[in-house]
Protein backbone atom coordinates (compact mmCIF):
# COMPACT_ATOMS: atom_id res chain seq x y z
CA MET A 1 -5.00 9.21 8.83
CA LEU A 2 -8.32 9.14 11.08
CA ASP A 3 -11.05 10.98 11.32
CA PRO A 4 -9.92 13.91 13.76
CA LYS A 5 -13.32 14.13 16.15
CA TRP A 6 -13.01 10.40 15.82
CA VAL A 7 -9.90 10.60 17.52
CA ARG A 8 -10.33 12.43 19.96
CA GLU A 9 -13.86 11.01 21.27
CA HIS A 10 -11.74 7.11 20.73
CA ALA A 11 -8.34 7.48 21.96
CA ASP A 12 -8.33 4.03 23.95
CA GLU A 13 -9.38 2.97 20.50
CA VAL A 14 -6.39 4.16 18.46
CA ARG A 15 -4.26 3.11 21.72
CA ASP A 16 -5.89 0.02 21.05
CA ALA A 17 -4.73 -0.17 17.74
CA ALA A 18 -1.50 0.99 18.41
CA ARG A 19 -1.02 -1.97 20.53
CA ARG A 20 -2.26 -4.51 18.53
CA LYS A 21 -0.46 -3.17 15.63
CA HIS A 22 2.97 -3.14 17.75
CA PHE A 23 2.77 0.52 17.02
CA ASP A 24 4.32 2.91 19.96
CA PRO A 25 1.23 4.13 21.32
CA SER A 26 2.81 7.04 22.92
CA VAL A 27 2.28 8.72 19.42
CA VAL A 28 -2.11 8.72 20.53
CA ASP A 29 -1.59 11.11 23.83
CA ALA A 30 1.38 13.74 22.04
CA TYR A 31 -0.87 13.75 19.23
CA LEU A 32 -4.25 14.34 21.26
CA GLU A 33 -1.69 17.14 23.41
CA VAL A 34 -0.66 18.86 20.64
CA ASP A 35 -4.05 18.45 18.88
CA ARG A 36 -5.49 20.17 22.27
CA ASP A 37 -2.78 22.96 22.18
CA TRP A 38 -3.51 23.83 18.73
CA ARG A 39 -7.59 24.46 19.01
CA GLU A 40 -6.77 26.38 22.11
CA ILE A 41 -4.66 29.05 20.15
CA LEU A 42 -6.55 28.64 17.30
CA THR A 43 -9.94 30.08 19.30
CA ARG A 44 -8.04 32.61 21.27
CA VAL A 45 -6.58 33.96 17.61
CA GLU A 46 -9.96 34.14 16.33
CA GLU A 47 -11.29 35.88 19.06
CA GLN A 48 -8.01 38.03 18.24
CA ARG A 49 -9.46 38.89 14.87
CA GLY A 50 -12.80 39.43 15.95
CA GLU A 51 -11.47 42.09 18.98
CA LEU A 52 -9.55 43.94 16.34
CA LYS A 53 -12.37 44.12 13.74
CA ALA A 54 -15.23 45.69 16.45
CA SER A 55 -12.03 47.86 17.68
CA SER A 56 -11.24 48.93 14.68
CA LYS A 57 -14.93 49.86 14.21
CA ARG A 58 -14.94 51.76 16.54
CA LEU A 59 -12.03 54.29 15.80
CA GLY A 60 -14.54 56.19 13.96
CA LYS A 61 -16.28 57.43 16.74
CA MET A 62 -13.88 58.10 19.18
CA THR A 63 -11.91 61.70 19.52
CA PRO A 64 -8.31 62.51 18.37
CA GLU A 65 -6.82 61.62 21.96
CA GLU A 66 -8.75 58.62 22.58
CA ARG A 67 -8.29 57.49 19.07
CA GLU A 68 -4.23 57.13 19.79
CA GLY A 69 -4.19 55.24 23.22
CA ALA A 70 -6.79 52.76 20.89
CA LEU A 71 -4.04 52.61 18.20
CA ALA A 72 -1.71 52.36 20.20
CA ALA A 73 -3.50 49.17 21.67
CA GLN A 74 -4.55 48.36 18.56
CA ARG A 75 -1.17 47.85 17.72
CA GLU A 76 0.26 45.79 20.64
CA ALA A 77 -2.92 43.49 19.86
CA LYS A 78 -1.45 42.57 16.54
CA GLU A 79 1.49 42.40 17.23
CA VAL A 80 0.38 39.14 20.38
CA LEU A 81 -1.88 38.31 16.81
CA LYS A 82 1.31 37.64 14.38
CA GLN A 83 3.06 35.65 17.36
CA ASP A 84 0.14 33.48 17.90
CA GLU A 85 -1.23 33.35 14.30
CA SER A 86 2.51 32.11 13.67
CA ARG A 87 1.85 29.17 16.82
CA VAL A 88 -1.41 28.04 14.98
CA LYS A 89 1.34 27.40 12.07
CA GLU A 90 3.65 25.97 13.64
CA LEU A 91 0.81 23.30 15.78
CA SER A 92 -1.39 22.13 12.83
CA ALA A 93 2.30 21.17 11.24
CA LYS A 94 2.61 19.27 14.18
CA VAL A 95 -0.96 18.22 14.29
CA ARG A 96 -0.24 17.07 10.78
CA GLU A 97 3.14 15.25 11.52
CA LEU A 98 1.95 13.44 14.38
CA ALA A 99 -1.78 12.49 13.07
CA MET A 100 0.51 10.98 9.69
CA LEU A 101 2.03 7.96 12.72
CA LEU A 102 -1.94 7.24 13.64
CA PRO A 103 -2.40 3.45 13.39
CA MET A 104 -5.96 2.41 11.96
CA PRO A 105 -7.59 0.16 14.46
CA PRO A 106 -7.59 -3.78 12.64
CA ALA A 107 -11.16 -5.15 12.41
CA ASP A 108 -12.54 -7.44 15.35
CA GLU A 109 -11.23 -10.54 12.80
CA VAL A 110 -7.78 -9.96 12.91
CA PRO A 111 -5.88 -12.45 15.19
CA ASP A 112 -3.22 -10.47 17.67
CA GLY A 113 0.27 -11.34 17.00
CA LYS A 114 3.74 -10.18 16.46
CA ASP A 115 4.60 -11.19 13.00
CA ASP A 116 4.17 -13.42 10.16
CA GLN A 117 4.15 -16.34 12.42
CA ASP A 118 1.41 -15.76 14.48
CA ASN A 119 -1.00 -15.38 10.67
CA ILE A 120 -3.95 -17.94 10.92
CA GLU A 121 -4.41 -20.29 8.21
CA LEU A 122 -7.75 -19.75 6.56
CA GLU A 123 -7.51 -22.59 3.54
CA ARG A 124 -5.44 -24.42 1.42
CA VAL A 125 -6.16 -25.45 -2.08
CA GLY A 126 -4.26 -27.72 -4.50
CA GLU A 127 -1.87 -30.63 -3.83
CA VAL A 128 1.78 -29.81 -2.92
CA PRO A 129 3.58 -32.28 -5.13
CA ALA A 130 5.24 -35.13 -4.25
CA PHE A 131 7.68 -35.87 -6.48
CA ASP A 132 10.03 -38.84 -7.44
CA PHE A 133 13.13 -37.17 -8.37
CA GLU A 134 15.62 -35.05 -6.46
CA VAL A 135 13.75 -31.43 -6.90
CA GLN A 136 16.18 -28.48 -7.48
CA ALA A 137 15.59 -25.26 -6.35
CA HIS A 138 14.43 -22.69 -9.44
CA ASP A 139 17.57 -21.35 -9.38
CA ASP A 140 19.45 -24.06 -9.78
CA LEU A 141 16.98 -25.50 -12.47
CA GLY A 142 16.80 -22.34 -14.11
CA ALA A 143 20.85 -22.44 -14.24
CA ALA A 144 21.18 -25.43 -16.25
CA LEU A 145 17.94 -25.28 -18.41
CA GLY A 146 19.69 -21.78 -18.87
CA ILE A 147 17.44 -19.18 -18.51
CA ILE A 148 18.07 -17.40 -15.10
CA ASP A 149 21.86 -16.39 -14.83
CA ILE A 150 21.79 -14.42 -11.04
CA PRO A 151 26.10 -14.04 -11.64
CA ARG A 152 26.00 -11.65 -13.92
CA GLY A 153 22.86 -10.18 -12.67
CA VAL A 154 24.65 -8.88 -9.71
CA LYS A 155 27.46 -7.93 -11.96
CA LEU A 156 25.41 -5.60 -13.57
CA ALA A 157 23.49 -3.52 -10.76
CA GLY A 158 25.11 -5.69 -7.18
CA SER A 159 23.15 -8.37 -4.48
CA ARG A 160 19.80 -8.95 -5.27
CA ASN A 161 19.88 -8.38 -8.71
CA TYR A 162 18.97 -11.47 -11.93
CA LEU A 163 18.63 -11.76 -15.75
CA LEU A 164 16.03 -13.96 -17.25
CA LEU A 165 16.97 -15.34 -20.36
CA GLY A 166 15.11 -16.76 -22.74
CA ASP A 167 12.09 -19.28 -21.87
CA ALA A 168 11.88 -17.41 -18.39
CA ALA A 169 11.21 -14.23 -20.02
CA ARG A 170 9.23 -15.57 -22.27
CA LEU A 171 7.19 -17.58 -19.56
CA GLU A 172 7.30 -14.13 -17.27
CA ARG A 173 5.13 -12.24 -20.04
CA ALA A 174 3.45 -14.74 -20.65
CA VAL A 175 2.28 -14.84 -16.79
CA LEU A 176 2.05 -11.46 -16.55
CA GLN A 177 0.63 -11.46 -19.61
CA PHE A 178 -2.17 -14.04 -18.50
CA ALA A 179 -2.89 -11.87 -15.16
CA LEU A 180 -3.91 -8.73 -17.14
CA ASP A 181 -6.40 -10.67 -19.61
CA HIS A 182 -7.67 -12.01 -16.03
CA MET A 183 -8.82 -9.05 -14.98
CA ILE A 184 -10.19 -7.24 -18.08
CA ALA A 185 -12.34 -10.42 -18.16
CA ARG A 186 -13.69 -9.24 -14.93
CA GLY A 187 -13.69 -5.92 -15.63
CA PHE A 188 -11.10 -3.43 -14.51
CA GLU A 189 -9.51 -1.37 -16.23
CA VAL A 190 -6.14 -1.00 -17.22
CA VAL A 191 -3.90 1.78 -16.87
CA SER A 192 -0.82 2.23 -17.67
CA VAL A 193 0.90 5.12 -14.67
CA PRO A 194 3.74 6.50 -13.69
CA THR A 195 6.60 4.50 -11.59
CA LEU A 196 8.26 7.72 -10.75
CA VAL A 197 5.69 9.63 -8.28
CA ASN A 198 5.91 12.95 -6.26
CA ARG A 199 5.90 12.17 -1.94
CA ALA A 200 2.17 13.68 -2.20
CA CYS A 201 1.64 10.25 -3.59
CA MET A 202 3.48 8.42 -1.21
CA GLU A 203 1.91 9.51 1.86
CA GLY A 204 -1.14 9.48 0.87
CA THR A 205 -1.42 6.00 0.00
CA GLY A 206 1.18 5.41 3.51
CA TYR A 207 3.47 4.33 2.57
CA PHE A 208 5.49 7.67 3.66
CA PRO A 209 6.29 8.35 6.46
CA GLY A 210 7.92 5.58 7.91
CA GLY A 211 8.69 3.62 4.30
CA GLU A 212 11.85 6.10 3.21
CA GLU A 213 14.43 3.53 3.42
CA GLN A 214 12.84 1.04 1.68
CA ALA A 215 12.48 3.39 -1.26
CA TYR A 216 14.75 4.42 -3.85
CA LEU A 217 14.83 8.66 -3.81
CA ALA A 218 15.54 10.32 -6.39
CA GLU A 219 16.33 13.67 -4.00
CA ARG A 220 17.27 15.39 -6.57
CA ASP A 221 13.78 15.36 -8.15
CA ASP A 222 11.93 14.40 -5.11
CA LEU A 223 10.24 11.49 -7.20
CA SER A 224 10.34 7.86 -5.67
CA LEU A 225 10.24 5.40 -7.66
CA VAL A 226 7.18 3.02 -6.01
CA GLY A 227 7.40 -0.69 -5.17
CA THR A 228 3.68 -1.19 -6.32
CA SER A 229 1.50 0.40 -8.26
CA GLU A 230 -1.04 0.67 -5.92
CA VAL A 231 0.46 4.11 -5.28
CA PRO A 232 -0.30 5.71 -8.70
CA LEU A 233 -3.52 4.18 -8.72
CA THR A 234 -5.14 4.97 -5.98
CA SER A 235 -3.54 8.25 -6.28
CA ILE A 236 -5.42 9.67 -9.45
CA HIS A 237 -7.89 10.80 -8.28
CA SER A 238 -6.75 12.86 -5.25
CA GLY A 239 -7.52 16.56 -4.55
CA GLU A 240 -10.87 14.72 -6.68
CA THR A 241 -14.84 14.73 -5.01
CA LEU A 242 -16.46 11.96 -7.48
CA GLU A 243 -20.02 11.63 -8.44
CA ALA A 244 -21.53 8.55 -6.45
CA ASP A 245 -22.67 6.91 -9.84
CA LYS A 246 -18.92 6.98 -10.47
CA LEU A 247 -18.15 3.81 -8.13
CA PRO A 248 -17.16 1.91 -7.88
CA LEU A 249 -13.80 2.17 -10.32
CA ARG A 250 -11.42 -1.49 -10.66
CA ARG A 251 -8.62 -0.88 -12.19
CA VAL A 252 -5.45 -2.81 -12.81
CA ALA A 253 -2.00 -1.62 -13.90
CA LEU A 254 1.39 -3.96 -14.88
CA SER A 255 4.56 -1.76 -13.91
CA PRO A 256 8.02 -2.46 -12.93
CA CYS A 257 8.54 -2.20 -9.34
CA TYR A 258 11.32 -0.94 -6.60
CA ARG A 259 12.45 -1.74 -3.28
CA ARG A 260 15.69 -1.09 -1.32
CA GLU A 261 14.63 -4.53 1.27
CA ALA A 262 16.01 -2.85 4.00
CA GLY A 263 16.88 -4.50 7.08
CA THR A 264 17.11 -8.35 5.19
CA TYR A 265 20.68 -8.25 4.87
CA GLY A 266 21.25 -11.80 4.93
CA LYS A 267 17.20 -12.90 4.34
CA ASP A 268 16.34 -14.93 1.54
CA THR A 269 19.58 -13.69 -0.13
CA LYS A 270 19.48 -16.85 -2.67
CA GLY A 271 17.38 -17.21 -6.03
CA LEU A 272 14.48 -14.87 -6.54
CA TYR A 273 12.52 -14.65 -4.01
CA ARG A 274 13.77 -10.93 -2.15
CA VAL A 275 14.98 -8.60 -5.08
CA HIS A 276 15.47 -4.97 -5.91
CA GLN A 277 13.62 -5.12 -8.94
CA PHE A 278 10.48 -6.75 -10.12
CA TRP A 279 7.21 -6.80 -12.02
CA LYS A 280 3.84 -6.62 -10.69
CA VAL A 281 -0.58 -6.52 -11.59
CA GLU A 282 -2.28 -5.13 -9.28
CA GLN A 283 -5.66 -4.42 -8.57
CA VAL A 284 -7.20 -1.44 -6.71
CA VAL A 285 -10.73 -0.80 -5.98
CA LEU A 286 -12.29 2.98 -4.60
CA GLY A 287 -16.00 2.66 -3.43
CA PRO A 288 -18.10 3.92 -0.68
CA ALA A 289 -18.10 4.63 2.21
CA ASP A 290 -19.82 1.40 3.73
CA GLU A 291 -18.67 -1.29 5.65
CA GLU A 292 -20.52 -4.26 4.13
CA TRP A 293 -19.19 -3.33 0.91
CA SER A 294 -15.97 -3.29 1.23
CA ARG A 295 -15.74 -6.88 3.84
CA GLU A 296 -17.44 -8.03 0.51
CA GLU A 297 -15.11 -6.40 -2.08
CA HIS A 298 -12.25 -7.23 -0.22
CA LYS A 299 -13.53 -10.99 -0.90
CA ARG A 300 -14.37 -10.53 -3.82
CA MET A 301 -10.62 -9.13 -4.96
CA LEU A 302 -8.92 -11.87 -2.88
CA GLY A 303 -11.38 -14.19 -5.14
CA HIS A 304 -9.23 -12.83 -8.05
CA ALA A 305 -6.31 -14.25 -6.67
CA THR A 306 -6.68 -17.33 -5.82
CA ASP A 307 -8.53 -18.03 -9.18
CA LEU A 308 -5.65 -17.42 -11.16
CA MET A 309 -3.50 -19.39 -8.98
CA GLN A 310 -5.87 -22.22 -9.38
CA ALA A 311 -5.26 -21.95 -13.23
CA LEU A 312 -1.75 -21.75 -13.22
CA GLU A 313 -2.30 -25.19 -11.60
CA LEU A 314 -0.32 -24.11 -8.22
CA PRO A 315 -1.12 -24.84 -4.41
CA TYR A 316 -1.55 -22.40 -2.06
CA ARG A 317 -2.95 -21.63 1.08
CA VAL A 318 -4.83 -18.45 2.55
CA VAL A 319 -4.17 -16.65 5.68
CA ASN A 320 -5.22 -14.12 7.68
CA VAL A 321 -2.78 -11.76 8.32
CA CYS A 322 -2.38 -10.90 12.48
CA GLY A 323 -2.06 -7.13 13.88
CA GLY A 324 1.75 -7.40 14.35
CA ASP A 325 1.94 -8.00 10.86
CA LEU A 326 0.03 -5.38 9.60
CA GLY A 327 0.88 -1.91 8.53
CA GLN A 328 -0.08 0.98 9.51
CA GLY A 329 -3.35 1.36 7.57
CA GLN A 330 -4.71 -2.05 6.92
CA VAL A 331 -7.68 -3.06 8.52
CA GLN A 332 -7.53 -6.47 7.48
CA LYS A 333 -5.35 -7.96 5.23
CA PHE A 334 -5.20 -11.96 3.45
CA ASP A 335 -2.53 -13.39 2.29
CA ILE A 336 -2.07 -15.83 -0.46
CA GLU A 337 1.57 -18.71 0.24
CA THR A 338 2.17 -20.70 -2.40
CA TRP A 339 4.25 -24.07 -2.23
CA MET A 340 7.66 -23.08 -3.03
CA PRO A 341 9.56 -26.71 -2.48
CA SER A 342 12.72 -25.56 -2.25
CA ARG A 343 11.45 -23.89 0.78
CA ASN A 344 9.73 -26.85 1.54
CA ALA A 345 6.79 -24.25 2.77
CA TYR A 346 4.10 -21.43 1.37
CA GLY A 347 6.32 -18.11 0.37
CA GLU A 348 3.91 -14.89 0.26
CA THR A 349 2.95 -14.11 -3.13
CA HIS A 350 -0.33 -11.40 -3.01
CA SER A 351 -1.14 -9.56 0.16
CA ALA A 352 -5.15 -8.06 -0.41
CA SER A 353 -5.62 -5.50 2.22
CA ARG A 354 -8.73 -3.26 2.66
CA PHE A 355 -8.05 0.49 4.44
CA HIS A 356 -11.69 1.95 4.77
CA ASP A 357 -10.97 5.91 4.28
CA PHE A 358 -7.04 5.68 6.12
CA GLN A 359 -5.52 6.64 2.39
CA SER A 360 -8.95 8.53 1.10
CA ARG A 361 -8.39 11.42 3.64
CA ARG A 362 -4.58 11.44 3.27
CA LEU A 363 -5.59 11.84 -0.58
CA GLU A 364 -8.74 13.81 0.25
CA LEU A 365 -10.48 11.65 -2.21
CA ARG A 366 -13.84 12.17 -1.62
CA TYR A 367 -17.45 10.93 -3.53
CA ARG A 368 -21.05 12.63 -3.16
CA PRO A 369 -23.89 9.68 -2.30
CA GLY A 370 -26.29 11.90 -3.35
CA GLY A 371 -30.08 13.01 -1.39
CA GLY A 372 -27.87 15.84 -0.71
CA ALA A 373 -25.59 14.27 1.82
CA LYS A 374 -22.31 16.40 1.95
CA PRO A 375 -19.21 14.67 0.44
CA GLN A 376 -17.37 11.63 2.40
CA PHE A 377 -14.47 9.96 1.20
CA VAL A 378 -14.09 6.78 -0.56
CA HIS A 379 -12.87 3.26 0.58
CA THR A 380 -9.92 2.01 -0.59
CA LEU A 381 -8.77 -1.46 -1.40
CA ASN A 382 -6.18 -3.66 -3.29
CA ASN A 383 -4.43 -7.11 -3.98
CA THR A 384 -1.91 -8.28 -5.77
CA VAL A 385 -2.48 -10.11 -8.95
CA ILE A 386 0.20 -11.74 -9.47
CA ALA A 387 4.13 -10.75 -9.02
CA SER A 388 7.26 -12.09 -10.88
CA PRO A 389 9.73 -12.97 -10.68
CA ARG A 390 8.58 -14.30 -6.88
CA VAL A 391 5.96 -16.40 -9.02
CA LEU A 392 8.49 -18.28 -11.61
CA ILE A 393 10.06 -19.83 -8.10
CA ALA A 394 6.60 -21.80 -7.51
CA LEU A 395 5.76 -22.47 -11.46
CA LEU A 396 9.39 -23.61 -12.27
CA GLU A 397 9.87 -25.75 -9.06
CA ASN A 398 5.51 -27.06 -9.12
CA HIS A 399 6.34 -28.00 -12.61
CA GLN A 400 9.58 -29.40 -13.16
CA GLN A 401 9.93 -32.28 -14.16
CA ALA A 402 11.92 -35.80 -13.73
CA ASP A 403 14.75 -35.16 -16.91
CA GLY A 404 15.00 -31.48 -15.66
CA SER A 405 12.53 -29.33 -18.02
CA VAL A 406 9.62 -27.95 -16.46
CA ARG A 407 6.13 -27.94 -17.47
CA ILE A 408 3.96 -24.94 -18.89
CA PRO A 409 0.65 -24.89 -17.14
CA GLU A 410 -1.79 -25.13 -20.02
CA ILE A 411 -3.39 -22.06 -19.00
CA LEU A 412 -0.40 -20.19 -20.06
CA ARG A 413 0.87 -22.12 -23.64
CA PRO A 414 -1.13 -19.90 -25.62
CA TYR A 415 0.92 -17.22 -24.27
CA MET A 416 4.18 -18.71 -25.01
CA GLY A 417 3.02 -19.87 -29.17
CA GLY A 418 1.74 -23.35 -27.81
CA GLN A 419 5.06 -24.22 -26.51
CA GLU A 420 4.13 -26.75 -23.83
CA SER A 421 7.51 -27.16 -21.77
CA ILE A 422 11.23 -26.08 -21.21
CA GLN A 423 13.84 -27.91 -21.97
CA ALA A 424 17.55 -27.33 -21.73
CA GLN A 425 19.25 -25.56 -25.06
CA ALA A 426 20.94 -28.06 -27.10
């Protein structure tokens, strides 16, 4: 959500944000019109209340004849006020509804573009492996090793579901625990969060309205399964005012995540790339309303993830996401794309985003800067640390061997009891 006063004074910038993000710019004008009507009638209501209060005071000084006429006029004025108050309430709800659709302007350095094909590569790290044998895709490799069973996963829960067996399940737990330890060593507090949350959390973080089709909803209880622990982590202090000396708050969570993948029919249907249920370690930071600090923290969070990818011995690249591929609230986003031999391409595995006060305004999440300054909205940032099973695609495919086994990266071996490779079971 944007500062209403700022929107009124910078309407062209908001329209430009809509254009760059490929949103419908008409919502900006619709918002401004309803906001103007709401403020006009609100002013009128306040004047009417003042006049009624003054007229009530005058009643005591009137003669009975004068009072009778004044009371009749007052009853009529109260009826008009009642109607106008109802209109204020109606317009206030409409203002909020439209405000929830306004896009946050992207940073100047965000490239223009329509979709992920227009993202700009910033760096490429690691050597793409050159195999001297026929490369297997992760699902074929996993089936041959007896560690991935997609058909039975589909039998249990429908398309885009899977089973990880034996060493695949152990490898997943190893990489997730390594990711947590990696972030703990960097000063992040681990939090165990709910993965069923109320609508206020989904709206506060910008996933609703507009993302309902991607969420699994528990309508009976008006709850939603989260697609990322960003939602509960960012919402923990909603409605609160934090002390400046408590910032920044750096937290990390491991949680199951759920996405319906609506609109992706026929896309990435093979293997583990696009599934309904997965695990993710997510980092979230709440900090001061300071542009320079946000930029530096964004780079620092990205570095946590790229350092982890290097530890896993995986080749990757970092891209600056274009305007058309940004979400409504993102000021800027960097994606990490990891090399996946079966795709003969880099596939997205991480997204690092900064939001300024877009989420905190929705969540009513402020801090006291000190020095007598009035409370301000915090800046929020988040980034994937690791997500599975997508990371398993890269681990299995990049580290596969000619004999059909898979080498386990050295950093993960302590988490696998010293095991150095995954072999087919006799």
